[in-house]
Amino acid sequence: MLDARYKDCYFYSDKKGNAQTMLQSVVDEMAGGGDDQQEDAAAGTSADEPSREDGTPPLKKAQNESLQDMYQEILAENDVVQQAATGVTASQVQVYIGEVTILKTTCPLMYWNSNQTRFPALAHVARKYLTAPCTSVDSEQLFSAVSHVIDEKRNHIFCDNAEMLIFVQKNLPLIH
């Protein structure tokens, strides 16, 4: 979905909605759930709280206000922030999916670099999922799989056949 060369082209029509919903939930999670400021607000504030953004000192709460009322106020503030973030990210996802795919020869990371200002939440998710992993475990496992397919008894196998066998071996468990 995040590769602008393909988007939802290779999904069955009944699965496109599910894929868009999953993308939307991932974008919402990364846009709203990962903010340290929201987590700090949910955890409460200390007595030596810094001044507000406009420079004025923080408002003092009434002494008779219960702890439950304070929790409700924090949850209401977070709900407003979360709803605003969800609306913005939902529109970003819909506009992105509605656009025409880019050429197959174009680098998707260059697309996200140039469209970062239009789709900031999607660009953040794309940087996470379209980059190469920083570990060599996957490539080591692939070499092990190749050693199981091409061995002393099958050393004259054609490259295309070996590639197909390895593909099936690695992807068959995903189907089941």
Protein backbone atom coordinates (compact mmCIF):
# COMPACT_ATOMS: atom_id res chain seq x y z
CA MET A 1 0.00 0.00 0.00
CA LEU A 2 2.84 2.43 0.74
CA ASP A 3 4.76 1.69 -2.44
CA ALA A 4 3.42 4.43 -4.72
CA ARG A 5 4.21 2.29 -7.77
CA TYR A 6 1.56 -0.28 -6.82
CA LYS A 7 -0.67 1.03 -3.96
CA ASP A 8 -3.69 -1.30 -3.90
CA CYS A 9 -3.43 -2.58 -7.48
CA TYR A 10 -2.62 -6.16 -6.54
CA PHE A 11 -5.28 -6.63 -3.90
CA TYR A 12 -8.49 -8.44 -4.71
CA SER A 13 -11.43 -6.04 -4.78
CA ASP A 14 -12.91 -7.54 -1.59
CA LYS A 15 -9.56 -7.12 0.23
CA LYS A 16 -8.84 -3.51 -0.77
CA GLY A 17 -11.08 -2.12 1.97
CA ASN A 18 -9.37 -4.25 4.61
CA ALA A 19 -5.94 -3.18 3.39
CA GLN A 20 -6.92 0.50 3.52
CA THR A 21 -8.34 0.03 7.02
CA MET A 22 -5.12 -1.65 8.17
CA LEU A 23 -3.03 1.15 6.65
CA GLN A 24 -5.26 3.73 8.33
CA SER A 25 -4.86 2.04 11.73
CA VAL A 26 -1.07 1.87 11.37
CA VAL A 27 -0.90 5.54 10.36
CA ASP A 28 -3.18 6.54 13.25
CA GLU A 29 -1.13 4.49 15.70
CA MET A 30 2.14 6.06 14.60
CA ALA A 31 0.69 9.57 14.34
CA GLY A 32 -1.24 9.68 17.60
CA GLY A 33 -0.16 6.81 19.83
CA GLY A 34 3.57 7.43 19.73
CA ASP A 35 3.56 11.01 20.98
CA ASP A 36 5.45 11.35 24.23
CA GLN A 37 3.48 14.49 25.04
CA GLN A 38 0.21 12.59 25.09
CA GLU A 39 1.70 9.86 27.26
CA ASP A 40 3.04 12.48 29.66
CA ALA A 41 -0.38 14.13 29.82
CA ALA A 42 -2.03 10.80 30.59
CA ALA A 43 0.46 10.12 33.37
CA GLY A 44 -0.43 13.34 35.19
CA THR A 45 1.50 16.46 36.08
CA SER A 46 3.84 17.35 38.88
CA ALA A 47 3.59 20.22 41.35
CA ASP A 48 6.39 22.15 39.64
CA GLU A 49 4.64 22.09 36.26
CA PRO A 50 6.14 24.45 33.65
CA SER A 51 4.13 27.34 32.24
CA ARG A 52 1.70 26.87 29.34
CA GLU A 53 2.65 27.36 25.69
CA ASP A 54 1.55 31.01 25.70
CA GLY A 55 3.89 31.75 28.64
CA THR A 56 1.21 32.16 31.30
CA PRO A 57 1.38 30.14 34.51
CA PRO A 58 -0.73 26.97 34.67
CA LEU A 59 -4.28 27.25 35.96
CA LYS A 60 -4.87 26.04 39.52
CA LYS A 61 -7.58 23.40 39.94
CA ALA A 62 -10.17 23.62 42.66
CA GLN A 63 -9.25 21.68 45.78
CA ASN A 64 -12.59 19.81 45.88
CA GLU A 65 -12.15 18.36 42.37
CA SER A 66 -11.82 14.59 42.59
CA LEU A 67 -9.10 12.47 41.08
CA GLN A 68 -11.70 10.78 38.87
CA ASP A 69 -12.70 14.19 37.43
CA MET A 70 -9.07 14.92 36.56
CA TYR A 71 -8.73 11.57 34.77
CA GLN A 72 -11.91 12.26 32.81
CA GLU A 73 -10.57 15.68 31.77
CA ILE A 74 -7.28 14.17 30.58
CA LEU A 75 -9.13 11.48 28.62
CA ALA A 76 -11.40 14.08 27.00
CA GLU A 77 -8.39 16.16 25.91
CA ASN A 78 -6.69 13.08 24.44
CA ASP A 79 -9.90 12.10 22.61
CA VAL A 80 -10.08 15.52 20.93
CA VAL A 81 -6.42 15.29 19.86
CA GLN A 82 -6.89 11.69 18.65
CA GLN A 83 -10.06 12.54 16.66
CA ALA A 84 -8.31 15.47 15.00
CA ALA A 85 -5.32 13.28 14.12
CA THR A 86 -7.58 10.52 12.79
CA GLY A 87 -9.47 12.96 10.55
CA VAL A 88 -6.25 14.37 9.11
CA THR A 89 -4.65 10.98 8.53
CA ALA A 90 -7.85 9.55 7.05
CA SER A 91 -7.95 12.33 4.48
CA GLN A 92 -4.25 11.81 3.73
CA VAL A 93 -4.81 8.09 3.12
CA GLN A 94 -7.85 8.71 0.91
CA VAL A 95 -6.08 11.34 -1.21
CA TYR A 96 -2.98 9.13 -1.54
CA ILE A 97 -4.98 6.06 -2.60
CA GLY A 98 -7.03 8.15 -5.03
CA GLU A 99 -3.98 9.40 -6.91
CA VAL A 100 -2.53 7.68 -9.95
CA THR A 101 0.38 5.30 -9.33
CA ILE A 102 3.87 6.45 -10.27
CA LEU A 103 6.06 4.85 -12.94
CA LYS A 104 7.47 1.42 -12.10
CA THR A 105 11.03 2.70 -12.64
CA THR A 106 10.63 5.50 -10.07
CA CYS A 107 12.04 5.00 -6.57
CA PRO A 108 9.23 4.99 -3.98
CA LEU A 109 11.50 6.56 -1.36
CA MET A 110 12.10 9.51 -3.68
CA TYR A 111 8.33 9.83 -4.06
CA TRP A 112 7.89 10.02 -0.29
CA ASN A 113 10.76 12.46 0.02
CA SER A 114 9.13 14.84 -2.47
CA ASN A 115 5.59 14.37 -1.07
CA GLN A 116 6.52 14.52 2.60
CA THR A 117 4.81 17.90 3.06
CA ARG A 118 1.55 16.68 1.47
CA PHE A 119 1.36 13.40 3.40
CA PRO A 120 3.43 13.82 6.59
CA ALA A 121 1.85 10.93 8.52
CA LEU A 122 2.05 8.54 5.56
CA ALA A 123 5.65 9.56 4.81
CA HIS A 124 6.60 8.71 8.39
CA VAL A 125 5.06 5.24 8.09
CA ALA A 126 6.59 4.73 4.63
CA ARG A 127 10.07 5.49 5.97
CA LYS A 128 9.57 2.77 8.54
CA TYR A 129 8.23 0.06 6.24
CA LEU A 130 9.98 0.74 2.91
CA THR A 131 13.54 0.85 4.21
CA ALA A 132 15.84 -2.14 4.37
CA PRO A 133 16.07 -3.92 7.72
CA CYS A 134 19.22 -3.20 9.69
CA THR A 135 19.92 -6.87 10.30
CA SER A 136 21.26 -9.66 8.14
CA VAL A 137 19.06 -12.39 9.61
CA ASP A 138 16.70 -12.53 6.62
CA SER A 139 19.54 -12.83 4.12
CA GLU A 140 21.24 -15.50 6.24
CA GLN A 141 17.99 -17.49 6.34
CA LEU A 142 17.66 -17.16 2.59
CA PHE A 143 21.18 -18.52 2.07
CA SER A 144 20.29 -21.47 4.31
CA ALA A 145 17.15 -22.09 2.24
CA VAL A 146 19.22 -22.03 -0.95
CA SER A 147 21.63 -24.58 0.50
CA HIS A 148 18.66 -26.91 1.08
CA VAL A 149 17.49 -26.55 -2.53
CA ILE A 150 20.84 -26.62 -4.31
CA ASP A 151 23.06 -29.36 -2.97
CA GLU A 152 25.39 -32.05 -4.32
CA LYS A 153 22.53 -34.11 -5.74
CA ARG A 154 20.87 -31.14 -7.48
CA ASN A 155 23.87 -29.10 -8.61
CA HIS A 156 22.76 -28.91 -12.27
CA ILE A 157 19.37 -27.33 -11.58
CA PHE A 158 18.42 -24.38 -13.80
CA CYS A 159 18.47 -20.94 -12.15
CA ASP A 160 14.80 -20.29 -12.87
CA ASN A 161 13.75 -23.61 -11.34
CA ALA A 162 15.89 -23.03 -8.25
CA GLU A 163 14.41 -19.54 -7.87
CA MET A 164 10.87 -20.91 -8.09
CA LEU A 165 11.58 -23.66 -5.55
CA ILE A 166 13.07 -21.17 -3.08
CA PHE A 167 10.15 -18.80 -3.61
CA VAL A 168 7.66 -21.57 -2.88
CA GLN A 169 9.65 -22.77 0.14
CA LYS A 170 9.75 -19.29 1.70
CA ASN A 171 6.18 -18.21 0.83
CA LEU A 172 4.16 -21.41 1.22
CA PRO A 173 4.00 -21.04 5.04
CA LEU A 174 2.45 -17.59 4.58
CA ILE A 175 -0.53 -19.09 2.79
CA HIS A 176 -1.26 -21.60 5.52
